[in-house]
Amino acid sequence: MPKLSDPIKVGKLTIKHRLWLAVVNINWFDWFGLPMPPLVKFYEERARGGFAWIGIAGGNVLPTEFGGQTIPRVYHLKQVTGLNR
């Protein structure tokens, strides 16, 4: 039986251990779908806490979709770059 400290392979990606943070729906995104500083800080703190995998709530992948004003959007390079932070 695998342990939490064992690596896990997801597709081509190998994750160093199995400790993950489930999706948390924190809508700290601006009107353009970019993460606001409090959101970046929130995820930085979780990463420092040792989580190997952190999920974020779903978002829009097409500019014609409307799922709310402050959710992530990933249809423009600037938005993807913002999420990489």
N, C-alpha and C. Protein backbone atom coordinates (compact mmCIF):
# COMPACT_ATOMS: atom_id res chain seq x y z
N MET A 1 0.85 -1.18 0.00
CA MET A 1 0.00 0.00 0.00
C MET A 1 0.90 1.24 0.00
N PRO A 2 0.64 2.21 -0.89
CA PRO A 2 1.47 3.41 -0.94
C PRO A 2 1.32 4.26 0.32
N LYS A 3 2.37 4.99 0.63
CA LYS A 3 2.37 5.92 1.76
C LYS A 3 2.23 7.34 1.24
N LEU A 4 1.82 8.26 2.11
CA LEU A 4 1.72 9.67 1.72
C LEU A 4 3.05 10.23 1.26
N SER A 5 4.14 9.69 1.78
CA SER A 5 5.46 10.20 1.42
C SER A 5 5.99 9.62 0.11
N ASP A 6 5.28 8.66 -0.49
CA ASP A 6 5.71 8.06 -1.75
C ASP A 6 5.39 8.97 -2.93
N PRO A 7 6.27 9.02 -3.93
CA PRO A 7 5.95 9.79 -5.14
C PRO A 7 4.77 9.16 -5.88
N ILE A 8 4.12 9.97 -6.71
CA ILE A 8 3.02 9.49 -7.53
C ILE A 8 3.17 10.08 -8.92
N LYS A 9 2.86 9.28 -9.92
CA LYS A 9 2.95 9.73 -11.30
C LYS A 9 1.56 10.04 -11.82
N VAL A 10 1.38 11.26 -12.35
CA VAL A 10 0.12 11.69 -12.94
C VAL A 10 0.43 12.04 -14.39
N GLY A 11 0.05 11.16 -15.30
CA GLY A 11 0.45 11.35 -16.69
C GLY A 11 1.96 11.28 -16.80
N LYS A 12 2.57 12.32 -17.37
CA LYS A 12 4.02 12.37 -17.50
C LYS A 12 4.68 13.08 -16.32
N LEU A 13 3.86 13.60 -15.41
CA LEU A 13 4.36 14.36 -14.28
C LEU A 13 4.54 13.46 -13.05
N THR A 14 5.70 13.54 -12.43
CA THR A 14 5.93 12.82 -11.17
C THR A 14 5.88 13.84 -10.03
N ILE A 15 5.02 13.58 -9.07
CA ILE A 15 4.85 14.47 -7.92
C ILE A 15 5.59 13.84 -6.75
N LYS A 16 6.32 14.67 -5.99
CA LYS A 16 7.26 14.16 -4.99
C LYS A 16 6.61 13.37 -3.85
N HIS A 17 5.37 13.64 -3.53
CA HIS A 17 4.64 12.87 -2.52
C HIS A 17 3.15 13.03 -2.75
N ARG A 18 2.34 12.46 -1.92
CA ARG A 18 0.89 12.40 -2.16
C ARG A 18 0.07 13.36 -1.32
N LEU A 19 0.71 14.33 -0.71
CA LEU A 19 0.00 15.30 0.10
C LEU A 19 -0.53 16.41 -0.81
N TRP A 20 -1.86 16.55 -0.88
CA TRP A 20 -2.44 17.54 -1.79
C TRP A 20 -3.53 18.34 -1.09
N LEU A 21 -3.73 19.53 -1.59
CA LEU A 21 -4.78 20.41 -1.09
C LEU A 21 -5.95 20.35 -2.08
N ALA A 22 -7.09 19.94 -1.58
CA ALA A 22 -8.27 19.85 -2.43
C ALA A 22 -8.66 21.23 -2.96
N VAL A 23 -9.48 21.22 -3.96
CA VAL A 23 -9.93 22.47 -4.58
C VAL A 23 -10.60 23.36 -3.54
N VAL A 24 -10.16 24.59 -3.49
CA VAL A 24 -10.74 25.58 -2.59
C VAL A 24 -11.29 26.69 -3.47
N ASN A 25 -12.56 27.01 -3.33
CA ASN A 25 -13.19 28.01 -4.18
C ASN A 25 -13.06 29.39 -3.53
N ILE A 26 -11.93 30.04 -3.79
CA ILE A 26 -11.70 31.39 -3.28
C ILE A 26 -11.67 32.30 -4.49
N ASN A 27 -12.65 33.11 -4.64
CA ASN A 27 -12.78 33.94 -5.84
C ASN A 27 -12.02 35.26 -5.72
N TRP A 28 -10.72 35.17 -5.51
CA TRP A 28 -9.88 36.36 -5.47
C TRP A 28 -9.22 36.59 -6.81
N PHE A 29 -10.04 36.68 -7.84
CA PHE A 29 -9.59 37.00 -9.19
C PHE A 29 -10.22 38.33 -9.58
N ASP A 30 -9.48 39.13 -10.34
CA ASP A 30 -10.05 40.41 -10.77
C ASP A 30 -10.98 40.20 -11.96
N TRP A 31 -11.51 41.28 -12.49
CA TRP A 31 -12.47 41.22 -13.60
C TRP A 31 -11.87 40.64 -14.87
N PHE A 32 -10.56 40.60 -14.97
CA PHE A 32 -9.90 40.06 -16.16
C PHE A 32 -9.48 38.61 -15.96
N GLY A 33 -9.81 38.03 -14.80
CA GLY A 33 -9.48 36.64 -14.52
C GLY A 33 -8.08 36.44 -13.98
N LEU A 34 -7.42 37.53 -13.57
CA LEU A 34 -6.06 37.43 -13.03
C LEU A 34 -6.11 37.29 -11.51
N PRO A 35 -5.23 36.46 -10.94
CA PRO A 35 -5.23 36.29 -9.49
C PRO A 35 -4.79 37.57 -8.78
N MET A 36 -5.51 37.92 -7.72
CA MET A 36 -5.16 39.11 -6.93
C MET A 36 -4.11 38.72 -5.89
N PRO A 37 -3.34 39.69 -5.39
CA PRO A 37 -2.26 39.40 -4.43
C PRO A 37 -2.67 38.53 -3.24
N PRO A 38 -3.85 38.72 -2.63
CA PRO A 38 -4.20 37.84 -1.51
C PRO A 38 -4.30 36.37 -1.91
N LEU A 39 -4.74 36.10 -3.14
CA LEU A 39 -4.84 34.72 -3.61
C LEU A 39 -3.45 34.11 -3.80
N VAL A 40 -2.55 34.88 -4.39
CA VAL A 40 -1.18 34.40 -4.58
C VAL A 40 -0.56 34.07 -3.22
N LYS A 41 -0.76 34.95 -2.25
CA LYS A 41 -0.24 34.73 -0.90
C LYS A 41 -0.86 33.48 -0.27
N PHE A 42 -2.16 33.29 -0.45
CA PHE A 42 -2.86 32.12 0.09
C PHE A 42 -2.21 30.83 -0.41
N TYR A 43 -1.99 30.74 -1.73
CA TYR A 43 -1.40 29.52 -2.29
C TYR A 43 0.08 29.39 -1.97
N GLU A 44 0.80 30.50 -1.88
CA GLU A 44 2.21 30.44 -1.48
C GLU A 44 2.34 29.84 -0.09
N GLU A 45 1.47 30.24 0.83
CA GLU A 45 1.52 29.72 2.20
C GLU A 45 1.24 28.22 2.23
N ARG A 46 0.32 27.76 1.41
CA ARG A 46 0.03 26.32 1.36
C ARG A 46 1.20 25.56 0.77
N ALA A 47 1.82 26.11 -0.25
CA ALA A 47 2.98 25.44 -0.86
C ALA A 47 4.13 25.36 0.13
N ARG A 48 4.34 26.42 0.89
CA ARG A 48 5.40 26.40 1.91
C ARG A 48 5.08 25.38 2.99
N GLY A 49 3.80 25.11 3.19
CA GLY A 49 3.39 24.13 4.19
C GLY A 49 3.66 22.70 3.77
N GLY A 50 4.07 22.48 2.53
CA GLY A 50 4.48 21.15 2.09
C GLY A 50 3.56 20.45 1.11
N PHE A 51 2.49 21.09 0.68
CA PHE A 51 1.62 20.43 -0.30
C PHE A 51 2.35 20.28 -1.63
N ALA A 52 2.28 19.09 -2.21
CA ALA A 52 2.92 18.83 -3.49
C ALA A 52 1.99 19.18 -4.65
N TRP A 53 0.70 19.15 -4.40
CA TRP A 53 -0.29 19.39 -5.46
C TRP A 53 -1.39 20.26 -4.86
N ILE A 54 -1.71 21.36 -5.52
CA ILE A 54 -2.73 22.28 -5.03
C ILE A 54 -3.73 22.52 -6.15
N GLY A 55 -5.00 22.24 -5.89
CA GLY A 55 -6.03 22.44 -6.89
C GLY A 55 -6.68 23.81 -6.74
N ILE A 56 -7.13 24.36 -7.87
CA ILE A 56 -7.89 25.61 -7.83
C ILE A 56 -9.26 25.34 -8.45
N ALA A 57 -10.21 26.19 -8.13
CA ALA A 57 -11.56 26.02 -8.67
C ALA A 57 -11.56 26.21 -10.18
N GLY A 58 -12.52 25.61 -10.83
CA GLY A 58 -12.64 25.72 -12.28
C GLY A 58 -12.87 27.14 -12.75
N GLY A 59 -12.63 27.36 -14.00
CA GLY A 59 -12.79 28.69 -14.56
C GLY A 59 -13.21 28.63 -16.02
N ASN A 60 -13.20 29.77 -16.65
CA ASN A 60 -13.60 29.87 -18.05
C ASN A 60 -12.41 29.62 -18.96
N VAL A 61 -12.66 28.87 -20.03
CA VAL A 61 -11.63 28.62 -21.03
C VAL A 61 -11.94 29.31 -22.36
N LEU A 62 -13.13 29.89 -22.46
CA LEU A 62 -13.52 30.64 -23.65
C LEU A 62 -14.01 32.02 -23.23
N PRO A 63 -13.69 33.06 -24.02
CA PRO A 63 -14.13 34.41 -23.64
C PRO A 63 -15.64 34.59 -23.67
N THR A 64 -16.37 33.70 -24.32
CA THR A 64 -17.83 33.83 -24.41
C THR A 64 -18.54 33.21 -23.22
N GLU A 65 -17.80 32.46 -22.39
CA GLU A 65 -18.42 31.84 -21.21
C GLU A 65 -18.59 32.87 -20.11
N PHE A 66 -19.63 32.70 -19.32
CA PHE A 66 -19.80 33.56 -18.16
C PHE A 66 -20.08 32.68 -16.96
N GLY A 67 -19.15 32.69 -16.02
CA GLY A 67 -19.33 31.87 -14.83
C GLY A 67 -19.23 32.70 -13.57
N GLY A 68 -19.29 33.99 -13.72
CA GLY A 68 -19.12 34.88 -12.58
C GLY A 68 -18.04 35.89 -12.90
N GLN A 69 -17.98 36.93 -12.12
CA GLN A 69 -17.04 38.01 -12.41
C GLN A 69 -15.64 37.72 -11.90
N THR A 70 -15.52 37.00 -10.82
CA THR A 70 -14.22 36.86 -10.17
C THR A 70 -13.75 35.42 -10.11
N ILE A 71 -13.77 34.75 -11.25
CA ILE A 71 -13.28 33.38 -11.32
C ILE A 71 -12.08 33.35 -12.26
N PRO A 72 -11.27 32.29 -12.17
CA PRO A 72 -10.11 32.23 -13.07
C PRO A 72 -10.53 32.10 -14.52
N ARG A 73 -9.75 32.69 -15.37
CA ARG A 73 -9.95 32.56 -16.82
C ARG A 73 -8.62 32.14 -17.44
N VAL A 74 -8.68 31.28 -18.42
CA VAL A 74 -7.44 30.75 -19.02
C VAL A 74 -7.52 30.72 -20.55
N TYR A 75 -7.99 31.81 -21.14
CA TYR A 75 -8.06 31.86 -22.60
C TYR A 75 -7.14 32.92 -23.18
N HIS A 76 -6.34 33.55 -22.36
CA HIS A 76 -5.38 34.57 -22.84
C HIS A 76 -4.05 34.30 -22.15
N LEU A 77 -2.95 34.51 -22.86
CA LEU A 77 -1.63 34.24 -22.32
C LEU A 77 -1.38 34.99 -21.01
N LYS A 78 -1.87 36.22 -20.90
CA LYS A 78 -1.69 36.99 -19.67
C LYS A 78 -2.35 36.30 -18.47
N GLN A 79 -3.49 35.66 -18.70
CA GLN A 79 -4.18 34.96 -17.62
C GLN A 79 -3.42 33.71 -17.22
N VAL A 80 -2.92 32.97 -18.18
CA VAL A 80 -2.14 31.76 -17.87
C VAL A 80 -0.87 32.15 -17.12
N THR A 81 -0.21 33.21 -17.55
CA THR A 81 0.99 33.69 -16.88
C THR A 81 0.67 34.10 -15.45
N GLY A 82 -0.46 34.75 -15.24
CA GLY A 82 -0.88 35.14 -13.90
C GLY A 82 -1.09 33.94 -12.98
N LEU A 83 -1.66 32.87 -13.52
CA LEU A 83 -1.87 31.65 -12.74
C LEU A 83 -0.55 30.96 -12.44
N ASN A 84 0.42 31.09 -13.30
CA ASN A 84 1.74 30.50 -13.04
C ASN A 84 2.41 31.11 -11.82
N ARG A 85 2.07 32.35 -11.47
CA ARG A 85 2.65 32.96 -10.27
C ARG A 85 2.33 32.12 -9.08
